[in-house]
PDB file of N, CA and C in Angstrom:
ATOM      1  N   MET A   1       0.406  12.433 -11.643  1.00  0.00           N
ATOM      2  CA  MET A   1       1.503  12.381 -10.669  1.00  0.00           C
ATOM      3  C   MET A   1       1.820  10.941 -10.273  1.00  0.00           C
ATOM      4  N   TYR A   2       0.900  10.121 -10.030  1.00  0.00           N
ATOM      5  CA  TYR A   2       1.333   8.558  -9.816  1.00  0.00           C
ATOM      6  C   TYR A   2       1.276   7.730 -11.164  1.00  0.00           C
ATOM      7  N   GLY A   3       0.869   8.366 -12.129  1.00  0.00           N
ATOM      8  CA  GLY A   3       0.757   7.677 -13.568  1.00  0.00           C
ATOM      9  C   GLY A   3       1.920   6.772 -14.010  1.00  0.00           C
ATOM     10  N   ALA A   4       3.045   7.463 -14.099  1.00  0.00           N
ATOM     11  CA  ALA A   4       4.183   6.549 -14.577  1.00  0.00           C
ATOM     12  C   ALA A   4       4.745   5.633 -13.469  1.00  0.00           C
ATOM     13  N   PHE A   5       4.651   5.909 -12.239  1.00  0.00           N
ATOM     14  CA  PHE A   5       4.840   4.847 -10.946  1.00  0.00           C
ATOM     15  C   PHE A   5       3.840   3.567 -11.491  1.00  0.00           C
ATOM     16  N   LEU A   6       2.516   3.807 -11.390  1.00  0.00           N
ATOM     17  CA  LEU A   6       1.557   2.827 -11.480  1.00  0.00           C
ATOM     18  C   LEU A   6       2.023   2.030 -12.719  1.00  0.00           C
ATOM     19  N   ARG A   7       2.252   2.607 -13.855  1.00  0.00           N
ATOM     20  CA  ARG A   7       2.303   1.910 -15.231  1.00  0.00           C
ATOM     21  C   ARG A   7       3.774   1.216 -15.190  1.00  0.00           C
ATOM     22  N   SER A   8       4.686   1.555 -14.467  1.00  0.00           N
ATOM     23  CA  SER A   8       5.845   0.823 -14.327  1.00  0.00           C
ATOM     24  C   SER A   8       5.879  -0.349 -13.256  1.00  0.00           C
ATOM     25  N   VAL A   9       5.120  -0.150 -12.354  1.00  0.00           N
ATOM     26  CA  VAL A   9       4.790  -1.382 -11.388  1.00  0.00           C
ATOM     27  C   VAL A   9       4.097  -2.404 -12.278  1.00  0.00           C
ATOM     28  N   ARG A  10       3.113  -2.067 -13.013  1.00  0.00           N
ATOM     29  CA  ARG A  10       2.221  -3.037 -13.784  1.00  0.00           C
ATOM     30  C   ARG A  10       3.190  -3.618 -14.763  1.00  0.00           C
ATOM     31  N   GLU A  11       3.917  -2.833 -15.510  1.00  0.00           N
ATOM     32  CA  GLU A  11       4.555  -3.253 -16.660  1.00  0.00           C
ATOM     33  C   GLU A  11       5.825  -4.221 -16.212  1.00  0.00           C
ATOM     34  N   SER A  12       6.335  -3.900 -15.001  1.00  0.00           N
ATOM     35  CA  SER A  12       7.648  -4.583 -14.530  1.00  0.00           C
ATOM     36  C   SER A  12       7.040  -6.153 -14.242  1.00  0.00           C
ATOM     37  N   ARG A  13       5.909  -6.256 -13.980  1.00  0.00           N
ATOM     38  CA  ARG A  13       5.171  -7.857 -13.909  1.00  0.00           C
ATOM     39  C   ARG A  13       4.653  -8.267 -15.290  1.00  0.00           C
ATOM     40  N   GLY A  14       4.827  -7.458 -16.089  1.00  0.00           N
ATOM     41  CA  GLY A  14       4.300  -8.014 -17.677  1.00  0.00           C
ATOM     42  C   GLY A  14       2.799  -8.275 -17.493  1.00  0.00           C
ATOM     43  N   MET A  15       2.057  -7.383 -16.930  1.00  0.00           N
ATOM     44  CA  MET A  15       0.619  -7.482 -16.731  1.00  0.00           C
ATOM     45  C   MET A  15      -0.130  -6.505 -17.548  1.00  0.00           C
ATOM     46  N   THR A  16      -1.221  -6.813 -18.057  1.00  0.00           N
ATOM     47  CA  THR A  16      -2.010  -5.793 -18.559  1.00  0.00           C
ATOM     48  C   THR A  16      -2.903  -5.190 -17.524  1.00  0.00           C
ATOM     49  N   GLN A  17      -3.647  -4.102 -18.184  1.00  0.00           N
ATOM     50  CA  GLN A  17      -4.384  -3.273 -17.206  1.00  0.00           C
ATOM     51  C   GLN A  17      -5.632  -4.269 -16.907  1.00  0.00           C
ATOM     52  N   LEU A  18      -5.895  -4.876 -17.797  1.00  0.00           N
ATOM     53  CA  LEU A  18      -7.208  -5.860 -17.545  1.00  0.00           C
ATOM     54  C   LEU A  18      -6.644  -7.032 -16.308  1.00  0.00           C
ATOM     55  N   GLU A  19      -5.597  -7.429 -16.437  1.00  0.00           N
ATOM     56  CA  GLU A  19      -5.027  -8.461 -15.496  1.00  0.00           C
ATOM     57  C   GLU A  19      -4.897  -7.569 -14.130  1.00  0.00           C
ATOM     58  N   VAL A  20      -4.479  -6.665 -14.214  1.00  0.00           N
ATOM     59  CA  VAL A  20      -4.436  -6.032 -12.728  1.00  0.00           C
ATOM     60  C   VAL A  20      -6.009  -5.575 -12.470  1.00  0.00           C
ATOM     61  N   GLY A  21      -6.663  -5.359 -13.227  1.00  0.00           N
ATOM     62  CA  GLY A  21      -8.061  -5.077 -12.789  1.00  0.00           C
ATOM     63  C   GLY A  21      -8.897  -6.157 -12.169  1.00  0.00           C
ATOM     64  N   ALA A  22      -8.538  -7.441 -12.661  1.00  0.00           N
ATOM     65  CA  ALA A  22      -9.142  -8.509 -12.310  1.00  0.00           C
ATOM     66  C   ALA A  22      -8.581  -9.116 -11.061  1.00  0.00           C
ATOM     67  N   ILE A  23      -7.499  -8.732 -10.684  1.00  0.00           N
ATOM     68  CA  ILE A  23      -6.685  -9.313  -9.385  1.00  0.00           C
ATOM     69  C   ILE A  23      -7.394  -7.986  -8.394  1.00  0.00           C
ATOM     70  N   THR A  24      -7.370  -6.823  -8.795  1.00  0.00           N
ATOM     71  CA  THR A  24      -7.498  -5.889  -7.528  1.00  0.00           C
ATOM     72  C   THR A  24      -9.001  -5.379  -7.450  1.00  0.00           C
ATOM     73  N   GLY A  25      -9.976  -5.783  -8.553  1.00  0.00           N
ATOM     74  CA  GLY A  25     -11.204  -5.247  -8.460  1.00  0.00           C
ATOM     75  C   GLY A  25     -11.354  -3.889  -8.982  1.00  0.00           C
ATOM     76  N   ILE A  26     -10.312  -3.186  -9.539  1.00  0.00           N
ATOM     77  CA  ILE A  26     -10.314  -1.869 -10.124  1.00  0.00           C
ATOM     78  C   ILE A  26     -10.614  -1.905 -11.426  1.00  0.00           C
ATOM     79  N   ALA A  27     -11.590  -1.164 -12.003  1.00  0.00           N
ATOM     80  CA  ALA A  27     -12.001  -1.168 -13.373  1.00  0.00           C
ATOM     81  C   ALA A  27     -10.737  -0.742 -14.481  1.00  0.00           C
ATOM     82  N   GLN A  28     -10.497  -1.598 -15.306  1.00  0.00           N
ATOM     83  CA  GLN A  28      -9.595  -1.204 -16.404  1.00  0.00           C
ATOM     84  C   GLN A  28      -9.486   0.235 -16.854  1.00  0.00           C
ATOM     85  N   ALA A  29     -10.811   0.906 -16.997  1.00  0.00           N
ATOM     86  CA  ALA A  29     -10.799   2.389 -17.210  1.00  0.00           C
ATOM     87  C   ALA A  29     -10.252   3.210 -16.221  1.00  0.00           C
ATOM     88  N   ASN A  30     -10.308   2.650 -14.926  1.00  0.00           N
ATOM     89  CA  ASN A  30      -9.797   3.586 -13.926  1.00  0.00           C
ATOM     90  C   ASN A  30      -8.299   3.384 -13.895  1.00  0.00           C
ATOM     91  N   ILE A  31      -7.760   2.384 -14.108  1.00  0.00           N
ATOM     92  CA  ILE A  31      -6.395   1.887 -14.273  1.00  0.00           C
ATOM     93  C   ILE A  31      -5.862   2.671 -15.058  1.00  0.00           C
ATOM     94  N   SER A  32      -6.602   2.900 -16.296  1.00  0.00           N
ATOM     95  CA  SER A  32      -5.898   3.753 -17.255  1.00  0.00           C
ATOM     96  C   SER A  32      -5.845   5.198 -17.027  1.00  0.00           C
ATOM     97  N   ALA A  33      -6.888   5.756 -16.447  1.00  0.00           N
ATOM     98  CA  ALA A  33      -7.015   7.107 -16.040  1.00  0.00           C
ATOM     99  C   ALA A  33      -6.079   7.386 -14.961  1.00  0.00           C
ATOM    100  N   TYR A  34      -5.809   6.467 -14.191  1.00  0.00           N
ATOM    101  CA  TYR A  34      -4.848   6.677 -13.217  1.00  0.00           C
ATOM    102  C   TYR A  34      -3.188   6.501 -13.718  1.00  0.00           C
ATOM    103  N   GLU A  35      -2.857   5.796 -14.693  1.00  0.00           N
ATOM    104  CA  GLU A  35      -1.674   5.793 -15.400  1.00  0.00           C
ATOM    105  C   GLU A  35      -1.560   6.809 -16.254  1.00  0.00           C
ATOM    106  N   ASN A  36      -2.588   7.540 -16.786  1.00  0.00           N
ATOM    107  CA  ASN A  36      -2.446   8.549 -17.690  1.00  0.00           C
ATOM    108  C   ASN A  36      -2.691   9.818 -17.026  1.00  0.00           C
ATOM    109  N   ASP A  37      -2.581   9.882 -15.752  1.00  0.00           N
ATOM    110  CA  ASP A  37      -2.860  11.074 -14.768  1.00  0.00           C
ATOM    111  C   ASP A  37      -4.230  11.780 -15.035  1.00  0.00           C
ATOM    112  N   ARG A  38      -5.065  11.168 -15.478  1.00  0.00           N
ATOM    113  CA  ARG A  38      -6.433  11.897 -15.657  1.00  0.00           C
ATOM    114  C   ARG A  38      -7.210  11.876 -14.332  1.00  0.00           C
ATOM    115  N   GLN A  39      -6.766  10.906 -13.764  1.00  0.00           N
ATOM    116  CA  GLN A  39      -7.422  10.841 -12.134  1.00  0.00           C
ATOM    117  C   GLN A  39      -6.546  10.535 -11.203  1.00  0.00           C
ATOM    118  N   THR A  40      -6.615  11.029  -9.845  1.00  0.00           N
ATOM    119  CA  THR A  40      -5.649  10.936  -8.731  1.00  0.00           C
ATOM    120  C   THR A  40      -5.961   9.703  -7.689  1.00  0.00           C
ATOM    121  N   PRO A  41      -5.210   8.681  -7.875  1.00  0.00           N
ATOM    122  CA  PRO A  41      -5.680   7.538  -7.038  1.00  0.00           C
ATOM    123  C   PRO A  41      -5.592   7.954  -5.446  1.00  0.00           C
ATOM    124  N   SER A  42      -6.382   7.235  -4.663  1.00  0.00           N
ATOM    125  CA  SER A  42      -6.129   7.424  -3.269  1.00  0.00           C
ATOM    126  C   SER A  42      -4.834   6.437  -2.968  1.00  0.00           C
ATOM    127  N   ILE A  43      -4.359   6.627  -1.760  1.00  0.00           N
ATOM    128  CA  ILE A  43      -3.160   5.867  -1.188  1.00  0.00           C
ATOM    129  C   ILE A  43      -3.611   4.305  -1.300  1.00  0.00           C
ATOM    130  N   ASP A  44      -4.845   4.092  -0.886  1.00  0.00           N
ATOM    131  CA  ASP A  44      -5.244   2.659  -0.719  1.00  0.00           C
ATOM    132  C   ASP A  44      -5.372   2.266  -2.197  1.00  0.00           C
ATOM    133  N   ILE A  45      -5.723   2.932  -3.208  1.00  0.00           N
ATOM    134  CA  ILE A  45      -5.635   2.500  -4.716  1.00  0.00           C
ATOM    135  C   ILE A  45      -4.184   1.945  -5.046  1.00  0.00           C
ATOM    136  N   VAL A  46      -3.356   3.037  -4.730  1.00  0.00           N
ATOM    137  CA  VAL A  46      -1.949   2.903  -5.142  1.00  0.00           C
ATOM    138  C   VAL A  46      -1.558   1.418  -4.563  1.00  0.00           C
ATOM    139  N   ASN A  47      -1.901   1.306  -3.211  1.00  0.00           N
ATOM    140  CA  ASN A  47      -1.307   0.156  -2.335  1.00  0.00           C
ATOM    141  C   ASN A  47      -1.935  -1.111  -2.983  1.00  0.00           C
ATOM    142  N   ARG A  48      -3.341  -1.089  -3.401  1.00  0.00           N
ATOM    143  CA  ARG A  48      -3.914  -2.205  -3.896  1.00  0.00           C
ATOM    144  C   ARG A  48      -3.363  -2.463  -5.264  1.00  0.00           C
ATOM    145  N   ILE A  49      -3.022  -1.520  -6.091  1.00  0.00           N
ATOM    146  CA  ILE A  49      -2.267  -1.956  -7.503  1.00  0.00           C
ATOM    147  C   ILE A  49      -0.917  -2.621  -7.041  1.00  0.00           C
ATOM    148  N   ALA A  50      -0.099  -1.870  -6.160  1.00  0.00           N
ATOM    149  CA  ALA A  50       1.092  -2.262  -6.050  1.00  0.00           C
ATOM    150  C   ALA A  50       1.169  -3.851  -5.178  1.00  0.00           C
ATOM    151  N   THR A  51       0.259  -4.091  -4.280  1.00  0.00           N
ATOM    152  CA  THR A  51       0.016  -5.332  -3.731  1.00  0.00           C
ATOM    153  C   THR A  51      -0.474  -6.364  -4.826  1.00  0.00           C
ATOM    154  N   GLY A  52      -1.282  -5.900  -5.727  1.00  0.00           N
ATOM    155  CA  GLY A  52      -1.733  -6.949  -6.820  1.00  0.00           C
ATOM    156  C   GLY A  52      -0.585  -7.132  -7.767  1.00  0.00           C
ATOM    157  N   CYS A  53       0.328  -6.460  -7.880  1.00  0.00           N
ATOM    158  CA  CYS A  53       1.348  -6.732  -8.779  1.00  0.00           C
ATOM    159  C   CYS A  53       2.723  -7.408  -8.017  1.00  0.00           C
ATOM    160  N   GLY A  54       2.412  -7.589  -6.722  1.00  0.00           N
ATOM    161  CA  GLY A  54       3.453  -8.260  -5.967  1.00  0.00           C
ATOM    162  C   GLY A  54       4.475  -7.431  -5.161  1.00  0.00           C
ATOM    163  N   TYR A  55       3.951  -6.247  -4.886  1.00  0.00           N
ATOM    164  CA  TYR A  55       5.202  -5.381  -4.263  1.00  0.00           C
ATOM    165  C   TYR A  55       4.470  -4.926  -3.067  1.00  0.00           C
ATOM    166  N   ALA A  56       5.228  -4.429  -2.173  1.00  0.00           N
ATOM    167  CA  ALA A  56       4.768  -3.761  -0.946  1.00  0.00           C
ATOM    168  C   ALA A  56       5.296  -2.516  -0.760  1.00  0.00           C
ATOM    169  N   LEU A  57       4.224  -1.589  -0.510  1.00  0.00           N
ATOM    170  CA  LEU A  57       5.001   0.008  -0.381  1.00  0.00           C
ATOM    171  C   LEU A  57       5.751   0.259   0.866  1.00  0.00           C
ATOM    172  N   LYS A  58       6.633   1.218   0.795  1.00  0.00           N
ATOM    173  CA  LYS A  58       7.406   1.700   1.923  1.00  0.00           C
ATOM    174  C   LYS A  58       7.290   3.159   1.801  1.00  0.00           C
ATOM    175  N   ALA A  59       7.165   3.931   2.698  1.00  0.00           N
ATOM    176  CA  ALA A  59       7.157   5.475   2.965  1.00  0.00           C
ATOM    177  C   ALA A  59       8.485   5.645   3.527  1.00  0.00           C
ATOM    178  N   VAL A  60       9.322   6.622   2.629  1.00  0.00           N
ATOM    179  CA  VAL A  60      10.545   7.033   3.104  1.00  0.00           C
ATOM    180  C   VAL A  60      10.709   8.469   3.126  1.00  0.00           C
ATOM    181  N   ALA A  61      11.325   8.952   4.207  1.00  0.00           N
ATOM    182  CA  ALA A  61      11.521  10.367   4.571  1.00  0.00           C
ATOM    183  C   ALA A  61      13.000  10.427   5.142  1.00  0.00           C
ATOM    184  N   GLY A  62      13.879  10.551   4.236  1.00  0.00           N
ATOM    185  CA  GLY A  62      15.305  10.841   4.783  1.00  0.00           C
ATOM    186  C   GLY A  62      15.654   9.157   5.389  1.00  0.00           C
ATOM    187  N   PRO A  63      16.324   9.259   6.480  1.00  0.00           N
ATOM    188  CA  PRO A  63      16.626   7.875   6.905  1.00  0.00           C
ATOM    189  C   PRO A  63      15.493   7.191   7.609  1.00  0.00           C
ATOM    190  N   THR A  64      14.427   7.758   7.695  1.00  0.00           N
ATOM    191  CA  THR A  64      13.195   7.077   8.205  1.00  0.00           C
ATOM    192  C   THR A  64      12.452   6.389   7.147  1.00  0.00           C
ATOM    193  N   SER A  65      12.004   5.081   7.536  1.00  0.00           N
ATOM    194  CA  SER A  65      11.077   4.600   6.455  1.00  0.00           C
ATOM    195  C   SER A  65      10.035   3.673   7.270  1.00  0.00           C
ATOM    196  N   ILE A  66       8.812   3.629   6.564  1.00  0.00           N
ATOM    197  CA  ILE A  66       7.581   2.992   7.449  1.00  0.00           C
ATOM    198  C   ILE A  66       7.057   1.952   6.356  1.00  0.00           C
ATOM    199  N   ASP A  67       7.147   0.609   6.571  1.00  0.00           N
ATOM    200  CA  ASP A  67       6.550  -0.453   5.670  1.00  0.00           C
ATOM    201  C   ASP A  67       5.134  -0.327   5.717  1.00  0.00           C
ATOM    202  N   LEU A  68       4.385   0.033   4.500  1.00  0.00           N
ATOM    203  CA  LEU A  68       2.900   0.232   4.819  1.00  0.00           C
ATOM    204  C   LEU A  68       2.209  -1.198   4.789  1.00  0.00           C
ATOM    205  N   PRO A  69       1.193  -1.596   5.457  1.00  0.00           N
ATOM    206  CA  PRO A  69       0.821  -2.742   5.442  1.00  0.00           C
ATOM    207  C   PRO A  69       0.147  -3.278   4.087  1.00  0.00           C
ATOM    208  N   LEU A  70       0.129  -4.456   3.800  1.00  0.00           N
ATOM    209  CA  LEU A  70      -0.420  -4.806   2.697  1.00  0.00           C
ATOM    210  C   LEU A  70      -1.841  -4.624   2.672  1.00  0.00           C
ATOM    211  N   ALA A  71      -2.454  -4.342   1.370  1.00  0.00           N
ATOM    212  CA  ALA A  71      -3.735  -4.005   0.933  1.00  0.00           C
ATOM    213  C   ALA A  71      -4.655  -5.074   1.598  1.00  0.00           C
ATOM    214  N   ARG A  72      -5.767  -4.850   2.247  1.00  0.00           N
ATOM    215  CA  ARG A  72      -6.588  -5.981   2.453  1.00  0.00           C
ATOM    216  C   ARG A  72      -8.021  -5.524   2.330  1.00  0.00           C
ATOM    217  N   GLY A  73      -9.067  -6.405   2.860  1.00  0.00           N
ATOM    218  CA  GLY A  73     -10.387  -5.840   2.621  1.00  0.00           C
ATOM    219  C   GLY A  73     -11.351  -6.797   1.722  1.00  0.00           C
ATOM    220  N   GLY A  74     -10.751  -7.883   1.466  1.00  0.00           N
ATOM    221  CA  GLY A  74     -11.636  -8.863   0.666  1.00  0.00           C
ATOM    222  C   GLY A  74     -11.845  -8.230  -0.902  1.00  0.00           C
ATOM    223  N   TRP A  75     -10.763  -7.459  -1.488  1.00  0.00           N
ATOM    224  CA  TRP A  75     -11.037  -7.112  -2.659  1.00  0.00           C
ATOM    225  C   TRP A  75     -10.480  -8.167  -3.836  1.00  0.00           C
ATOM    226  N   THR A  76      -9.863  -9.348  -3.299  1.00  0.00           N
ATOM    227  CA  THR A  76      -9.425 -10.341  -3.924  1.00  0.00           C
ATOM    228  C   THR A  76     -10.063 -11.551  -3.338  1.00  0.00           C
ATOM    229  N   PRO A  77     -10.527 -12.519  -4.121  1.00  0.00           N
ATOM    230  CA  PRO A  77     -11.126 -13.803  -3.479  1.00  0.00           C
ATOM    231  C   PRO A  77      -9.879 -14.684  -3.040  1.00  0.00           C
ATOM    232  N   LEU A  78      -8.631 -14.560  -3.318  1.00  0.00           N
ATOM    233  CA  LEU A  78      -7.468 -15.145  -2.854  1.00  0.00           C
ATOM    234  C   LEU A  78      -6.849 -14.438  -1.690  1.00  0.00           C
ATOM    235  N   GLU A  79      -7.213 -14.793  -0.400  1.00  0.00           N
ATOM    236  CA  GLU A  79      -6.836 -14.013   0.825  1.00  0.00           C
ATOM    237  C   GLU A  79      -5.264 -14.790   0.908  1.00  0.00           C
ATOM    238  N   TRP A  80      -4.166 -14.450   0.045  1.00  0.00           N
ATOM    239  CA  TRP A  80      -3.049 -14.994   0.095  1.00  0.00           C
ATOM    240  C   TRP A  80      -1.900 -14.635   1.063  1.00  0.00           C
ATOM    241  N   LEU A  81      -2.437 -13.582   1.695  1.00  0.00           N
ATOM    242  CA  LEU A  81      -1.362 -13.130   2.844  1.00  0.00           C
ATOM    243  C   LEU A  81      -1.068 -13.967   3.860  1.00  0.00           C
ATOM    244  N   PRO A  82       0.322 -13.928   4.198  1.00  0.00           N
ATOM    245  CA  PRO A  82       0.815 -14.893   5.030  1.00  0.00           C
ATOM    246  C   PRO A  82       0.271 -14.412   6.586  1.00  0.00           C
ATOM    247  N   GLU A  83       0.033 -15.452   7.334  1.00  0.00           N
ATOM    248  CA  GLU A  83      -0.238 -15.156   8.790  1.00  0.00           C
ATOM    249  C   GLU A  83       1.023 -14.462   9.383  1.00  0.00           C
ATOM    250  N   ARG A  84       0.517 -13.742  10.413  1.00  0.00           N
ATOM    251  CA  ARG A  84       1.512 -12.938  11.259  1.00  0.00           C
ATOM    252  C   ARG A  84       2.324 -13.950  12.023  1.00  0.00           C
ATOM    253  N   LEU A  85       3.730 -13.754  12.011  1.00  0.00           N
ATOM    254  CA  LEU A  85       4.634 -14.407  12.994  1.00  0.00           C
ATOM    255  C   LEU A  85       4.812 -13.730  14.369  1.00  0.00           C
ATOM    256  N   PRO A  86       5.105 -14.457  15.235  1.00  0.00           N
ATOM    257  CA  PRO A  86       5.222 -14.022  16.609  1.00  0.00           C
ATOM    258  C   PRO A  86       6.441 -12.873  16.621  1.00  0.00           C
ATOM    259  N   SER A  87       7.331 -12.935  15.736  1.00  0.00           N
ATOM    260  CA  SER A  87       8.282 -12.021  15.694  1.00  0.00           C
ATOM    261  C   SER A  87       7.833 -10.688  15.078  1.00  0.00           C
ATOM    262  N   ASP A  88       6.679 -10.593  14.487  1.00  0.00           N
ATOM    263  CA  ASP A  88       6.529  -9.453  13.483  1.00  0.00           C
ATOM    264  C   ASP A  88       6.087  -8.506  14.675  1.00  0.00           C
ATOM    265  N   PRO A  89       6.361  -7.112  14.152  1.00  0.00           N
ATOM    266  CA  PRO A  89       6.006  -6.007  15.109  1.00  0.00           C
ATOM    267  C   PRO A  89       4.547  -5.831  15.165  1.00  0.00           C
ATOM    268  N   GLU A  90       4.150  -5.531  16.353  1.00  0.00           N
ATOM    269  CA  GLU A  90       2.606  -5.155  16.519  1.00  0.00           C
ATOM    270  C   GLU A  90       2.149  -4.068  15.637  1.00  0.00           C
ATOM    271  N   GLU A  91       0.825  -4.341  15.003  1.00  0.00           N
ATOM    272  CA  GLU A  91       0.505  -3.401  14.171  1.00  0.00           C
ATOM    273  C   GLU A  91      -0.224  -1.974  14.852  1.00  0.00           C
ATOM    274  N   THR A  92       0.395  -1.066  14.511  1.00  0.00           N
ATOM    275  CA  THR A  92       0.032   0.264  15.038  1.00  0.00           C
ATOM    276  C   THR A  92      -0.270   1.257  14.121  1.00  0.00           C
ATOM    277  N   GLY A  93      -1.381   2.042  14.398  1.00  0.00           N
ATOM    278  CA  GLY A  93      -1.765   2.919  13.157  1.00  0.00           C
ATOM    279  C   GLY A  93      -2.824   3.944  13.770  1.00  0.00           C
ATOM    280  N   VAL A  94      -2.888   5.094  13.118  1.00  0.00           N
ATOM    281  CA  VAL A  94      -3.870   6.171  13.287  1.00  0.00           C
ATOM    282  C   VAL A  94      -4.829   6.210  12.069  1.00  0.00           C
ATOM    283  N   ARG A  95      -6.016   5.816  12.295  1.00  0.00           N
ATOM    284  CA  ARG A  95      -7.138   6.104  11.226  1.00  0.00           C
ATOM    285  C   ARG A  95      -7.622   7.703  11.159  1.00  0.00           C
ATOM    286  N   PRO A  96      -7.709   8.105   9.958  1.00  0.00           N
ATOM    287  CA  PRO A  96      -8.164   9.606   9.972  1.00  0.00           C
ATOM    288  C   PRO A  96      -9.410   9.688  10.636  1.00  0.00           C
ATOM    289  N   ASP A  97     -10.408   8.765  10.754  1.00  0.00           N
ATOM    290  CA  ASP A  97     -11.707   8.949  11.308  1.00  0.00           C
ATOM    291  C   ASP A  97     -11.705   8.491  12.855  1.00  0.00           C
ATOM    292  N   SER A  98     -10.357   8.410  13.442  1.00  0.00           N
ATOM    293  CA  SER A  98      -9.999   7.880  14.764  1.00  0.00           C
ATOM    294  C   SER A  98     -10.754   9.137  15.856  1.00  0.00           C
ATOM    295  N   THR A  99     -11.257   8.564  16.835  1.00  0.00           N
ATOM    296  CA  THR A  99     -11.815   9.396  17.980  1.00  0.00           C
ATOM    297  C   THR A  99     -10.574   9.646  19.084  1.00  0.00           C
ATOM    298  N   MET A 100      -9.535   9.292  18.785  1.00  0.00           N
ATOM    299  CA  MET A 100      -8.493   9.007  19.647  1.00  0.00           C
ATOM    300  C   MET A 100      -7.999  10.448  19.823  1.00  0.00           C
ATOM    301  N   PRO A 101      -7.687  10.746  21.280  1.00  0.00           N
ATOM    302  CA  PRO A 101      -7.159  12.338  21.509  1.00  0.00           C
ATOM    303  C   PRO A 101      -6.329  12.574  20.939  1.00  0.00           C
ATOM    304  N   MET A 102      -5.950  13.982  20.466  1.00  0.00           N
ATOM    305  CA  MET A 102      -4.733  14.308  19.584  1.00  0.00           C
ATOM    306  C   MET A 102      -3.465  13.838  20.270  1.00  0.00           C
ATOM    307  N   SER A 103      -3.220  14.137  21.706  1.00  0.00           N
ATOM    308  CA  SER A 103      -2.024  13.712  22.237  1.00  0.00           C
ATOM    309  C   SER A 103      -1.597  12.181  22.028  1.00  0.00           C
ATOM    310  N   GLU A 104      -2.582  11.221  21.980  1.00  0.00           N
ATOM    311  CA  GLU A 104      -2.224   9.967  21.794  1.00  0.00           C
ATOM    312  C   GLU A 104      -2.077   9.745  20.418  1.00  0.00           C
ATOM    313  N   ARG A 105      -2.872  10.433  19.237  1.00  0.00           N
ATOM    314  CA  ARG A 105      -2.307  10.376  17.890  1.00  0.00           C
ATOM    315  C   ARG A 105      -0.979  10.576  17.683  1.00  0.00           C
ATOM    316  N   VAL A 106      -0.446  11.890  18.376  1.00  0.00           N
ATOM    317  CA  VAL A 106       0.865  12.364  18.062  1.00  0.00           C
ATOM    318  C   VAL A 106       1.920  11.396  18.483  1.00  0.00           C
ATOM    319  N   ALA A 107       1.427  10.725  19.635  1.00  0.00           N
ATOM    320  CA  ALA A 107       2.490   9.834  20.528  1.00  0.00           C
ATOM    321  C   ALA A 107       2.734   8.456  19.590  1.00  0.00           C
ATOM    322  N   THR A 108       1.462   8.110  18.986  1.00  0.00           N
ATOM    323  CA  THR A 108       1.410   6.698  18.070  1.00  0.00           C
ATOM    324  C   THR A 108       2.219   7.155  16.889  1.00  0.00           C
ATOM    325  N   ILE A 109       1.994   8.210  16.124  1.00  0.00           N
ATOM    326  CA  ILE A 109       2.615   8.556  14.842  1.00  0.00           C
ATOM    327  C   ILE A 109       4.288   8.740  15.261  1.00  0.00           C
ATOM    328  N   ARG A 110       4.633   9.311  16.376  1.00  0.00           N
ATOM    329  CA  ARG A 110       5.935   9.406  16.592  1.00  0.00           C
ATOM    330  C   ARG A 110       6.595   7.984  16.839  1.00  0.00           C
ATOM    331  N   GLU A 111       5.872   7.134  17.403  1.00  0.00           N
ATOM    332  CA  GLU A 111       6.127   5.700  17.792  1.00  0.00           C
ATOM    333  C   GLU A 111       6.384   4.950  16.532  1.00  0.00           C
ATOM    334  N   ILE A 112       5.528   5.055  15.617  1.00  0.00           N
ATOM    335  CA  ILE A 112       5.754   4.599  14.086  1.00  0.00           C
ATOM    336  C   ILE A 112       7.064   5.027  13.673  1.00  0.00           C
ATOM    337  N   LEU A 113       7.258   6.346  13.461  1.00  0.00           N
ATOM    338  CA  LEU A 113       8.494   7.177  13.034  1.00  0.00           C
ATOM    339  C   LEU A 113       9.611   6.646  13.549  1.00  0.00           C
ATOM    340  N   ASP A 114       9.635   6.341  14.915  1.00  0.00           N
ATOM    341  CA  ASP A 114      10.910   5.909  15.562  1.00  0.00           C
ATOM    342  C   ASP A 114      10.983   4.389  15.466  1.00  0.00           C
ATOM    343  N   PHE A 115      10.099   3.549  14.911  1.00  0.00           N
ATOM    344  CA  PHE A 115      10.017   2.141  14.923  1.00  0.00           C
ATOM    345  C   PHE A 115      11.275   1.760  13.838  1.00  0.00           C
ATOM    346  N   PRO A 116      12.190   0.858  14.462  1.00  0.00           N
ATOM    347  CA  PRO A 116      13.420   0.547  13.468  1.00  0.00           C
ATOM    348  C   PRO A 116      13.015  -0.365  12.290  1.00  0.00           C
ATOM    349  N   VAL A 117      13.279  -0.211  11.184  1.00  0.00           N
ATOM    350  CA  VAL A 117      13.086  -1.312   9.979  1.00  0.00           C
ATOM    351  C   VAL A 117      13.816  -2.258  10.140  1.00  0.00           C
ATOM    352  N   LEU A 118      13.322  -3.608  10.209  1.00  0.00           N
ATOM    353  CA  LEU A 118      14.033  -4.704  10.525  1.00  0.00           C
ATOM    354  C   LEU A 118      14.202  -5.696   9.178  1.00  0.00           C
ATOM    355  N   HIS A 119      13.475  -5.314   8.204  1.00  0.00           N
ATOM    356  CA  HIS A 119      13.732  -5.963   6.825  1.00  0.00           C
ATOM    357  C   HIS A 119      13.060  -5.209   5.849  1.00  0.00           C
ATOM    358  N   ASP A 120      13.523  -5.500   4.491  1.00  0.00           N
ATOM    359  CA  ASP A 120      12.886  -4.720   3.370  1.00  0.00           C
ATOM    360  C   ASP A 120      11.880  -5.844   2.662  1.00  0.00           C
ATOM    361  N   ALA A 121      10.637  -5.301   2.686  1.00  0.00           N
ATOM    362  CA  ALA A 121       9.518  -6.013   2.303  1.00  0.00           C
ATOM    363  C   ALA A 121       9.402  -6.047   0.827  1.00  0.00           C
ATOM    364  N   THR A 122      10.082  -5.441   0.009  1.00  0.00           N
ATOM    365  CA  THR A 122       9.767  -5.441  -1.379  1.00  0.00           C
ATOM    366  C   THR A 122      10.441  -6.908  -2.216  1.00  0.00           C
ATOM    367  N   PRO A 123       9.834  -7.194  -3.168  1.00  0.00           N
ATOM    368  CA  PRO A 123      10.134  -8.259  -3.902  1.00  0.00           C
ATOM    369  C   PRO A 123      11.317  -8.348  -4.457  1.00  0.00           C
TER     370      PRO A 123
END
């Protein structure tokens, strides 16, 4: 399902699976399995691979789009992400394991969907 997409992301940068693995901390065998649709990656893995190849993901549903945050978490020794600017929108989100009441979760998700996209974060 994601195989062709992940392969095109990697190949668009002229990178090997080993190079992407070294950057993202994902084993080359797993990258191969994702690219050949033998395993289904989580959205975190898709985001890590896209970020490792220099892309930012954006979720698009009709006229609405949401920029996904860049992958974080210490999976790369180079924390090269730029510092937030005062003009950046405030980070808002709902975690699956959140204890937030459902009414607040729904309000937060609606706020995210209604947030205007100010720029295109793709390279």
